[in-house]
Structures are given as C-alpha cells and as structure tokens.
Amino acid sequence: MAAESGVIDNGYKPSDDEPFMNERQREYFRRKLLQWKDEILRESRETLNALQTENENHPDIADRASSETDRAIELRARDRQRKLIAKIDAAMSRIDDGTYGYCEETGEPIALKRLDARPIATLSVEAQERHERREKVYRDD
C-alpha cells in the first residue's frame, strides 16, 4: 500500500504531542485513506484488463484448470478489496462526522500508531482483543 510509506504531507506524522484528531491529523488520515483507495482501484483495473486480455484457449486440460484456478483466486482477492473500499469509505465518513479515531466500543481515542498501521480501525487494541477473544469462545462452542 503506497499510503503506508508515511510520506503523505511533507513528512508529517501524527504525534501524541499534539491534540488528538486535530485538523492536520484528520487531513493526514484522509489523504492516507484516499491514496490506499486509489491504489486498490488501480490494481482492480489492472486485474480486469488482464482477465479480459488473457487467452482462454488452453488446449491442455491442466493448463485450463490452472488458469481457472488463478482467475478464481484473483476474483476472490478483488472481492476482499471491494469490501475494503467500503471500510475505507466508512472511515472517510467518520472523518467527516468527527468520530474517526475513536473506539466504537469505548469512545476512547485509538492509538495513533494503530491508526497509522490500520487506518480503517474502529476499535482500540484492547477492545479489538476483547472482541477476538469473544469470537474465539463462540467459535469453539
């Protein structure tokens, strides 16, 4: 992901020394999310072009099966990315309504390092861990 490079605003990186989710931080994350979305859309276009131009006339059944498997894997990856775009759009909406960066469960600020690594995060690390422990308990039943 190009946005992970951190070079979004002339080297600016959000810091715990400034007010949480100030205008500069919101703009930093808005740009990061937009760059991530643009990269996903570019990759999707490339995949679509590759799938459209791929020669499907494989005389060998093993080659045909391999090609179909590759296509299915690629389409699954694109579906995951489509869902990711929805999460990016939701994060952008949270930036607009002022709720971005705050845990959905506790209302506490999400650590800047977590948001920088996972800008679509909606839970603090602690809340995410509780959520995953609950999921594991229910999965084991």
N, C-alpha and C. Protein backbone atom coordinates (compact mmCIF):
# COMPACT_ATOMS: atom_id res chain seq x y z
N MET A 1 0.85 -1.17 0.00
CA MET A 1 0.00 0.00 0.00
C MET A 1 0.88 1.22 0.00
N ALA A 2 0.73 2.07 -0.97
CA ALA A 2 1.56 3.25 -1.10
C ALA A 2 1.39 4.19 0.08
N ALA A 3 0.19 4.25 0.63
CA ALA A 3 -0.07 5.18 1.72
C ALA A 3 0.70 4.80 2.98
N GLU A 4 1.16 3.58 3.09
CA GLU A 4 1.88 3.18 4.28
C GLU A 4 3.27 3.77 4.35
N SER A 5 3.74 4.36 3.28
CA SER A 5 5.08 4.93 3.28
C SER A 5 5.21 6.05 4.30
N GLY A 6 4.09 6.69 4.66
CA GLY A 6 4.14 7.74 5.65
C GLY A 6 4.50 9.10 5.06
N VAL A 7 4.89 9.17 3.81
CA VAL A 7 5.24 10.43 3.18
C VAL A 7 4.00 10.95 2.47
N ILE A 8 3.13 11.55 3.25
CA ILE A 8 1.86 12.00 2.71
C ILE A 8 1.80 13.52 2.73
N ASP A 9 2.26 14.14 3.78
CA ASP A 9 2.19 15.58 3.95
C ASP A 9 3.58 16.11 4.29
N ASN A 10 4.46 16.11 3.30
CA ASN A 10 5.82 16.61 3.50
C ASN A 10 6.50 15.99 4.72
N GLY A 11 6.31 14.71 4.91
CA GLY A 11 6.96 14.01 6.01
C GLY A 11 6.22 14.11 7.32
N TYR A 12 5.08 14.76 7.35
CA TYR A 12 4.31 14.88 8.60
C TYR A 12 3.84 13.52 9.07
N LYS A 13 4.02 13.25 10.37
CA LYS A 13 3.48 12.05 11.00
C LYS A 13 2.73 12.51 12.24
N PRO A 14 1.49 12.03 12.44
CA PRO A 14 0.75 12.40 13.64
C PRO A 14 1.55 12.05 14.90
N SER A 15 1.42 12.90 15.90
CA SER A 15 2.19 12.72 17.13
C SER A 15 1.27 12.81 18.34
N ASP A 16 1.64 12.08 19.39
CA ASP A 16 0.89 12.14 20.65
C ASP A 16 1.08 13.49 21.35
N ASP A 17 2.04 14.30 20.86
CA ASP A 17 2.32 15.60 21.47
C ASP A 17 1.35 16.69 21.01
N GLU A 18 0.45 16.38 20.09
CA GLU A 18 -0.49 17.37 19.59
C GLU A 18 -1.92 16.94 19.95
N PRO A 19 -2.87 17.85 19.87
CA PRO A 19 -4.26 17.47 20.20
C PRO A 19 -4.74 16.33 19.29
N PHE A 20 -5.42 15.35 19.89
CA PHE A 20 -5.87 14.17 19.16
C PHE A 20 -6.91 14.57 18.12
N MET A 21 -6.75 14.06 16.91
CA MET A 21 -7.62 14.28 15.75
C MET A 21 -7.84 15.76 15.48
N ASN A 22 -6.75 16.51 15.57
CA ASN A 22 -6.80 17.90 15.13
C ASN A 22 -6.92 17.92 13.61
N GLU A 23 -7.08 19.09 13.03
CA GLU A 23 -7.30 19.20 11.58
C GLU A 23 -6.17 18.57 10.78
N ARG A 24 -4.92 18.76 11.23
CA ARG A 24 -3.79 18.21 10.49
C ARG A 24 -3.80 16.68 10.51
N GLN A 25 -4.13 16.09 11.66
CA GLN A 25 -4.23 14.63 11.75
C GLN A 25 -5.37 14.11 10.88
N ARG A 26 -6.51 14.77 10.92
CA ARG A 26 -7.64 14.33 10.09
C ARG A 26 -7.27 14.38 8.61
N GLU A 27 -6.59 15.44 8.21
CA GLU A 27 -6.19 15.56 6.81
C GLU A 27 -5.16 14.49 6.45
N TYR A 28 -4.25 14.19 7.37
CA TYR A 28 -3.25 13.14 7.16
C TYR A 28 -3.95 11.80 6.88
N PHE A 29 -4.90 11.44 7.74
CA PHE A 29 -5.59 10.16 7.57
C PHE A 29 -6.52 10.18 6.35
N ARG A 30 -7.13 11.32 6.04
CA ARG A 30 -7.97 11.43 4.85
C ARG A 30 -7.11 11.13 3.61
N ARG A 31 -5.94 11.75 3.53
CA ARG A 31 -5.05 11.51 2.39
C ARG A 31 -4.57 10.07 2.34
N LYS A 32 -4.24 9.53 3.49
CA LYS A 32 -3.77 8.15 3.55
C LYS A 32 -4.85 7.20 3.03
N LEU A 33 -6.08 7.41 3.47
CA LEU A 33 -7.19 6.57 3.04
C LEU A 33 -7.45 6.72 1.54
N LEU A 34 -7.41 7.96 1.05
CA LEU A 34 -7.64 8.19 -0.38
C LEU A 34 -6.55 7.54 -1.24
N GLN A 35 -5.31 7.64 -0.79
CA GLN A 35 -4.22 7.01 -1.55
C GLN A 35 -4.39 5.49 -1.56
N TRP A 36 -4.78 4.92 -0.43
CA TRP A 36 -5.00 3.48 -0.34
C TRP A 36 -6.12 3.06 -1.29
N LYS A 37 -7.22 3.82 -1.26
CA LYS A 37 -8.35 3.51 -2.14
C LYS A 37 -7.95 3.61 -3.61
N ASP A 38 -7.22 4.67 -3.96
CA ASP A 38 -6.76 4.83 -5.35
C ASP A 38 -5.89 3.65 -5.79
N GLU A 39 -5.03 3.19 -4.90
CA GLU A 39 -4.15 2.05 -5.22
C GLU A 39 -4.98 0.78 -5.45
N ILE A 40 -5.97 0.55 -4.61
CA ILE A 40 -6.83 -0.63 -4.76
C ILE A 40 -7.59 -0.56 -6.09
N LEU A 41 -8.13 0.60 -6.40
CA LEU A 41 -8.88 0.76 -7.65
C LEU A 41 -7.97 0.56 -8.86
N ARG A 42 -6.74 1.07 -8.79
CA ARG A 42 -5.78 0.89 -9.89
C ARG A 42 -5.48 -0.60 -10.08
N GLU A 43 -5.23 -1.31 -8.97
CA GLU A 43 -4.96 -2.75 -9.05
C GLU A 43 -6.17 -3.49 -9.62
N SER A 44 -7.36 -3.07 -9.25
CA SER A 44 -8.58 -3.71 -9.76
C SER A 44 -8.70 -3.53 -11.27
N ARG A 45 -8.41 -2.32 -11.74
CA ARG A 45 -8.45 -2.08 -13.19
C ARG A 45 -7.42 -2.95 -13.91
N GLU A 46 -6.23 -3.06 -13.34
CA GLU A 46 -5.19 -3.89 -13.96
C GLU A 46 -5.63 -5.35 -14.02
N THR A 47 -6.25 -5.83 -12.95
CA THR A 47 -6.73 -7.21 -12.92
C THR A 47 -7.80 -7.42 -13.97
N LEU A 48 -8.74 -6.48 -14.03
CA LEU A 48 -9.82 -6.60 -15.00
C LEU A 48 -9.26 -6.63 -16.42
N ASN A 49 -8.31 -5.75 -16.71
CA ASN A 49 -7.68 -5.74 -18.03
C ASN A 49 -6.97 -7.06 -18.31
N ALA A 50 -6.26 -7.58 -17.32
CA ALA A 50 -5.54 -8.84 -17.51
C ALA A 50 -6.51 -9.99 -17.76
N LEU A 51 -7.61 -10.01 -17.01
CA LEU A 51 -8.59 -11.08 -17.18
C LEU A 51 -9.26 -10.99 -18.56
N GLN A 52 -9.47 -9.79 -19.04
CA GLN A 52 -10.13 -9.61 -20.34
C GLN A 52 -9.21 -9.98 -21.50
N THR A 53 -7.92 -9.75 -21.34
CA THR A 53 -6.99 -10.00 -22.45
C THR A 53 -6.36 -11.38 -22.40
N GLU A 54 -6.56 -12.09 -21.27
CA GLU A 54 -5.95 -13.42 -21.14
C GLU A 54 -6.50 -14.37 -22.20
N ASN A 55 -5.62 -15.12 -22.79
CA ASN A 55 -6.03 -16.09 -23.81
C ASN A 55 -6.64 -17.30 -23.11
N GLU A 56 -7.91 -17.51 -23.34
CA GLU A 56 -8.62 -18.61 -22.68
C GLU A 56 -8.59 -19.91 -23.49
N ASN A 57 -7.95 -19.91 -24.62
CA ASN A 57 -7.94 -21.10 -25.47
C ASN A 57 -6.78 -22.02 -25.08
N HIS A 58 -6.95 -22.72 -23.94
CA HIS A 58 -5.92 -23.65 -23.47
C HIS A 58 -6.29 -25.06 -23.94
N PRO A 59 -5.53 -25.60 -24.87
CA PRO A 59 -5.85 -26.95 -25.36
C PRO A 59 -5.63 -28.01 -24.28
N ASP A 60 -4.67 -27.76 -23.39
CA ASP A 60 -4.36 -28.75 -22.34
C ASP A 60 -5.30 -28.53 -21.16
N ILE A 61 -5.93 -29.61 -20.70
CA ILE A 61 -6.92 -29.50 -19.61
C ILE A 61 -6.27 -29.03 -18.32
N ALA A 62 -5.02 -29.43 -18.08
CA ALA A 62 -4.32 -28.98 -16.86
C ALA A 62 -4.05 -27.48 -16.92
N ASP A 63 -3.66 -26.97 -18.09
CA ASP A 63 -3.45 -25.54 -18.26
C ASP A 63 -4.74 -24.77 -18.05
N ARG A 64 -5.83 -25.30 -18.59
CA ARG A 64 -7.13 -24.66 -18.45
C ARG A 64 -7.54 -24.62 -16.97
N ALA A 65 -7.36 -25.73 -16.28
CA ALA A 65 -7.72 -25.80 -14.86
C ALA A 65 -6.88 -24.82 -14.05
N SER A 66 -5.60 -24.75 -14.36
CA SER A 66 -4.72 -23.82 -13.65
C SER A 66 -5.15 -22.38 -13.90
N SER A 67 -5.49 -22.06 -15.12
CA SER A 67 -5.94 -20.72 -15.47
C SER A 67 -7.24 -20.37 -14.74
N GLU A 68 -8.16 -21.31 -14.68
CA GLU A 68 -9.43 -21.07 -14.00
C GLU A 68 -9.23 -20.89 -12.50
N THR A 69 -8.29 -21.66 -11.93
CA THR A 69 -7.98 -21.51 -10.51
C THR A 69 -7.38 -20.14 -10.24
N ASP A 70 -6.44 -19.71 -11.09
CA ASP A 70 -5.84 -18.39 -10.94
C ASP A 70 -6.90 -17.30 -11.03
N ARG A 71 -7.82 -17.45 -11.95
CA ARG A 71 -8.89 -16.47 -12.13
C ARG A 71 -9.78 -16.42 -10.88
N ALA A 72 -10.12 -17.58 -10.34
CA ALA A 72 -10.97 -17.62 -9.14
C ALA A 72 -10.27 -16.96 -7.95
N ILE A 73 -8.97 -17.22 -7.79
CA ILE A 73 -8.21 -16.60 -6.69
C ILE A 73 -8.19 -15.09 -6.86
N GLU A 74 -7.96 -14.64 -8.08
CA GLU A 74 -7.90 -13.20 -8.38
C GLU A 74 -9.25 -12.55 -8.10
N LEU A 75 -10.33 -13.20 -8.48
CA LEU A 75 -11.66 -12.63 -8.24
C LEU A 75 -11.99 -12.58 -6.75
N ARG A 76 -11.55 -13.59 -5.99
CA ARG A 76 -11.75 -13.57 -4.53
C ARG A 76 -10.98 -12.40 -3.92
N ALA A 77 -9.75 -12.20 -4.39
CA ALA A 77 -8.95 -11.09 -3.88
C ALA A 77 -9.63 -9.75 -4.19
N ARG A 78 -10.17 -9.61 -5.38
CA ARG A 78 -10.87 -8.38 -5.76
C ARG A 78 -12.11 -8.18 -4.89
N ASP A 79 -12.80 -9.27 -4.54
CA ASP A 79 -13.98 -9.16 -3.68
C ASP A 79 -13.57 -8.66 -2.29
N ARG A 80 -12.46 -9.18 -1.77
CA ARG A 80 -11.96 -8.69 -0.47
C ARG A 80 -11.62 -7.21 -0.57
N GLN A 81 -11.04 -6.81 -1.68
CA GLN A 81 -10.69 -5.41 -1.84
C GLN A 81 -11.93 -4.53 -1.99
N ARG A 82 -12.97 -5.05 -2.61
CA ARG A 82 -14.23 -4.31 -2.71
C ARG A 82 -14.77 -4.04 -1.30
N LYS A 83 -14.70 -5.05 -0.43
CA LYS A 83 -15.15 -4.87 0.95
C LYS A 83 -14.25 -3.87 1.68
N LEU A 84 -12.96 -3.89 1.37
CA LEU A 84 -12.02 -2.96 1.97
C LEU A 84 -12.34 -1.52 1.56
N ILE A 85 -12.72 -1.33 0.32
CA ILE A 85 -13.10 0.01 -0.15
C ILE A 85 -14.30 0.51 0.64
N ALA A 86 -15.25 -0.36 0.93
CA ALA A 86 -16.41 0.04 1.74
C ALA A 86 -15.95 0.49 3.13
N LYS A 87 -14.96 -0.21 3.69
CA LYS A 87 -14.43 0.18 5.02
C LYS A 87 -13.68 1.50 4.93
N ILE A 88 -12.96 1.72 3.83
CA ILE A 88 -12.25 2.99 3.63
C ILE A 88 -13.27 4.13 3.53
N ASP A 89 -14.34 3.91 2.76
CA ASP A 89 -15.39 4.92 2.62
C ASP A 89 -16.04 5.22 3.97
N ALA A 90 -16.25 4.19 4.77
CA ALA A 90 -16.85 4.38 6.10
C ALA A 90 -15.90 5.19 6.98
N ALA A 91 -14.59 4.92 6.88
CA ALA A 91 -13.61 5.69 7.66
C ALA A 91 -13.62 7.15 7.22
N MET A 92 -13.75 7.40 5.92
CA MET A 92 -13.81 8.77 5.42
C MET A 92 -15.05 9.48 5.98
N SER A 93 -16.15 8.77 6.06
CA SER A 93 -17.38 9.35 6.64
C SER A 93 -17.16 9.69 8.11
N ARG A 94 -16.43 8.83 8.83
CA ARG A 94 -16.15 9.10 10.24
C ARG A 94 -15.25 10.34 10.38
N ILE A 95 -14.33 10.52 9.44
CA ILE A 95 -13.51 11.74 9.48
C ILE A 95 -14.43 12.95 9.32
N ASP A 96 -15.36 12.87 8.38
CA ASP A 96 -16.28 13.98 8.12
C ASP A 96 -17.20 14.28 9.30
N ASP A 97 -17.64 13.23 10.01
CA ASP A 97 -18.59 13.48 11.12
C ASP A 97 -17.91 13.61 12.48
N GLY A 98 -16.56 13.54 12.50
CA GLY A 98 -15.83 13.78 13.74
C GLY A 98 -15.67 12.58 14.65
N THR A 99 -16.07 11.39 14.20
CA THR A 99 -15.95 10.21 15.06
C THR A 99 -14.71 9.36 14.73
N TYR A 100 -13.98 9.74 13.67
CA TYR A 100 -12.80 8.97 13.27
C TYR A 100 -11.74 9.01 14.37
N GLY A 101 -11.15 7.84 14.61
CA GLY A 101 -10.06 7.75 15.58
C GLY A 101 -10.52 7.41 16.98
N TYR A 102 -11.81 7.30 17.16
CA TYR A 102 -12.35 6.96 18.48
C TYR A 102 -12.96 5.57 18.44
N CYS A 103 -12.70 4.79 19.48
CA CYS A 103 -13.16 3.41 19.58
C CYS A 103 -14.69 3.37 19.59
N GLU A 104 -15.26 2.53 18.72
CA GLU A 104 -16.71 2.37 18.67
C GLU A 104 -17.27 1.80 19.96
N GLU A 105 -16.46 1.03 20.66
CA GLU A 105 -16.93 0.35 21.86
C GLU A 105 -16.80 1.22 23.11
N THR A 106 -15.65 1.89 23.26
CA THR A 106 -15.39 2.62 24.50
C THR A 106 -15.46 4.14 24.34
N GLY A 107 -15.36 4.62 23.10
CA GLY A 107 -15.34 6.06 22.87
C GLY A 107 -13.97 6.69 23.12
N GLU A 108 -13.03 5.89 23.57
CA GLU A 108 -11.67 6.38 23.83
C GLU A 108 -10.90 6.52 22.51
N PRO A 109 -9.90 7.41 22.49
CA PRO A 109 -9.07 7.54 21.28
C PRO A 109 -8.34 6.23 20.96
N ILE A 110 -8.27 5.90 19.68
CA ILE A 110 -7.49 4.76 19.20
C ILE A 110 -6.06 5.26 19.03
N ALA A 111 -5.09 4.47 19.44
CA ALA A 111 -3.69 4.88 19.36
C ALA A 111 -3.32 5.29 17.94
N LEU A 112 -2.57 6.39 17.82
CA LEU A 112 -2.16 6.88 16.50
C LEU A 112 -1.35 5.84 15.74
N LYS A 113 -0.52 5.08 16.45
CA LYS A 113 0.27 4.04 15.77
C LYS A 113 -0.65 2.99 15.16
N ARG A 114 -1.71 2.65 15.86
CA ARG A 114 -2.67 1.67 15.33
C ARG A 114 -3.38 2.25 14.10
N LEU A 115 -3.81 3.49 14.18
CA LEU A 115 -4.48 4.12 13.04
C LEU A 115 -3.53 4.27 11.85
N ASP A 116 -2.27 4.54 12.12
CA ASP A 116 -1.31 4.68 11.02
C ASP A 116 -1.11 3.33 10.33
N ALA A 117 -1.08 2.26 11.12
CA ALA A 117 -0.90 0.91 10.56
C ALA A 117 -2.19 0.38 9.94
N ARG A 118 -3.33 0.73 10.53
CA ARG A 118 -4.64 0.22 10.08
C ARG A 118 -5.63 1.38 10.11
N PRO A 119 -5.57 2.24 9.08
CA PRO A 119 -6.39 3.46 9.13
C PRO A 119 -7.90 3.23 9.12
N ILE A 120 -8.34 2.00 8.89
CA ILE A 120 -9.78 1.72 8.94
C ILE A 120 -10.22 1.16 10.29
N ALA A 121 -9.29 1.13 11.25
CA ALA A 121 -9.60 0.58 12.58
C ALA A 121 -10.76 1.33 13.22
N THR A 122 -11.65 0.57 13.84
CA THR A 122 -12.79 1.18 14.55
C THR A 122 -12.76 0.85 16.04
N LEU A 123 -11.83 -0.01 16.43
CA LEU A 123 -11.71 -0.40 17.83
C LEU A 123 -10.28 -0.16 18.31
N SER A 124 -10.14 0.18 19.59
CA SER A 124 -8.81 0.27 20.18
C SER A 124 -8.23 -1.14 20.24
N VAL A 125 -6.94 -1.24 20.47
CA VAL A 125 -6.30 -2.56 20.55
C VAL A 125 -6.97 -3.41 21.63
N GLU A 126 -7.24 -2.80 22.78
CA GLU A 126 -7.85 -3.54 23.89
C GLU A 126 -9.24 -4.04 23.51
N ALA A 127 -10.05 -3.17 22.91
CA ALA A 127 -11.40 -3.56 22.52
C ALA A 127 -11.35 -4.62 21.42
N GLN A 128 -10.40 -4.50 20.49
CA GLN A 128 -10.24 -5.50 19.43
C GLN A 128 -9.87 -6.85 20.02
N GLU A 129 -8.96 -6.85 20.99
CA GLU A 129 -8.57 -8.11 21.63
C GLU A 129 -9.75 -8.75 22.35
N ARG A 130 -10.56 -7.94 23.05
CA ARG A 130 -11.76 -8.48 23.72
C ARG A 130 -12.71 -9.07 22.69
N HIS A 131 -12.90 -8.36 21.60
CA HIS A 131 -13.78 -8.82 20.52
C HIS A 131 -13.28 -10.16 19.97
N GLU A 132 -11.98 -10.26 19.71
CA GLU A 132 -11.43 -11.51 19.17
C GLU A 132 -11.52 -12.65 20.17
N ARG A 133 -11.34 -12.35 21.47
CA ARG A 133 -11.48 -13.41 22.49
C ARG A 133 -12.92 -13.91 22.52
N ARG A 134 -13.89 -12.98 22.44
CA ARG A 134 -15.30 -13.39 22.42
C ARG A 134 -15.59 -14.25 21.19
N GLU A 135 -15.06 -13.85 20.03
CA GLU A 135 -15.27 -14.63 18.80
C GLU A 135 -14.69 -16.02 18.96
N LYS A 136 -13.51 -16.11 19.56
CA LYS A 136 -12.85 -17.42 19.73
C LYS A 136 -13.69 -18.32 20.65
N VAL A 137 -14.23 -17.74 21.71
CA VAL A 137 -15.06 -18.52 22.63
C VAL A 137 -16.28 -19.06 21.91
N TYR A 138 -16.95 -18.21 21.11
CA TYR A 138 -18.14 -18.66 20.39
C TYR A 138 -17.81 -19.65 19.28
N ARG A 139 -16.63 -19.48 18.65
CA ARG A 139 -16.23 -20.41 17.59
C ARG A 139 -15.95 -21.80 18.16
N ASP A 140 -15.42 -21.82 19.38
CA ASP A 140 -15.07 -23.11 19.98
C ASP A 140 -16.29 -23.89 20.44
N ASP A 141 -17.44 -23.22 20.57
CA ASP A 141 -18.67 -23.92 21.02
C ASP A 141 -19.24 -24.78 19.94
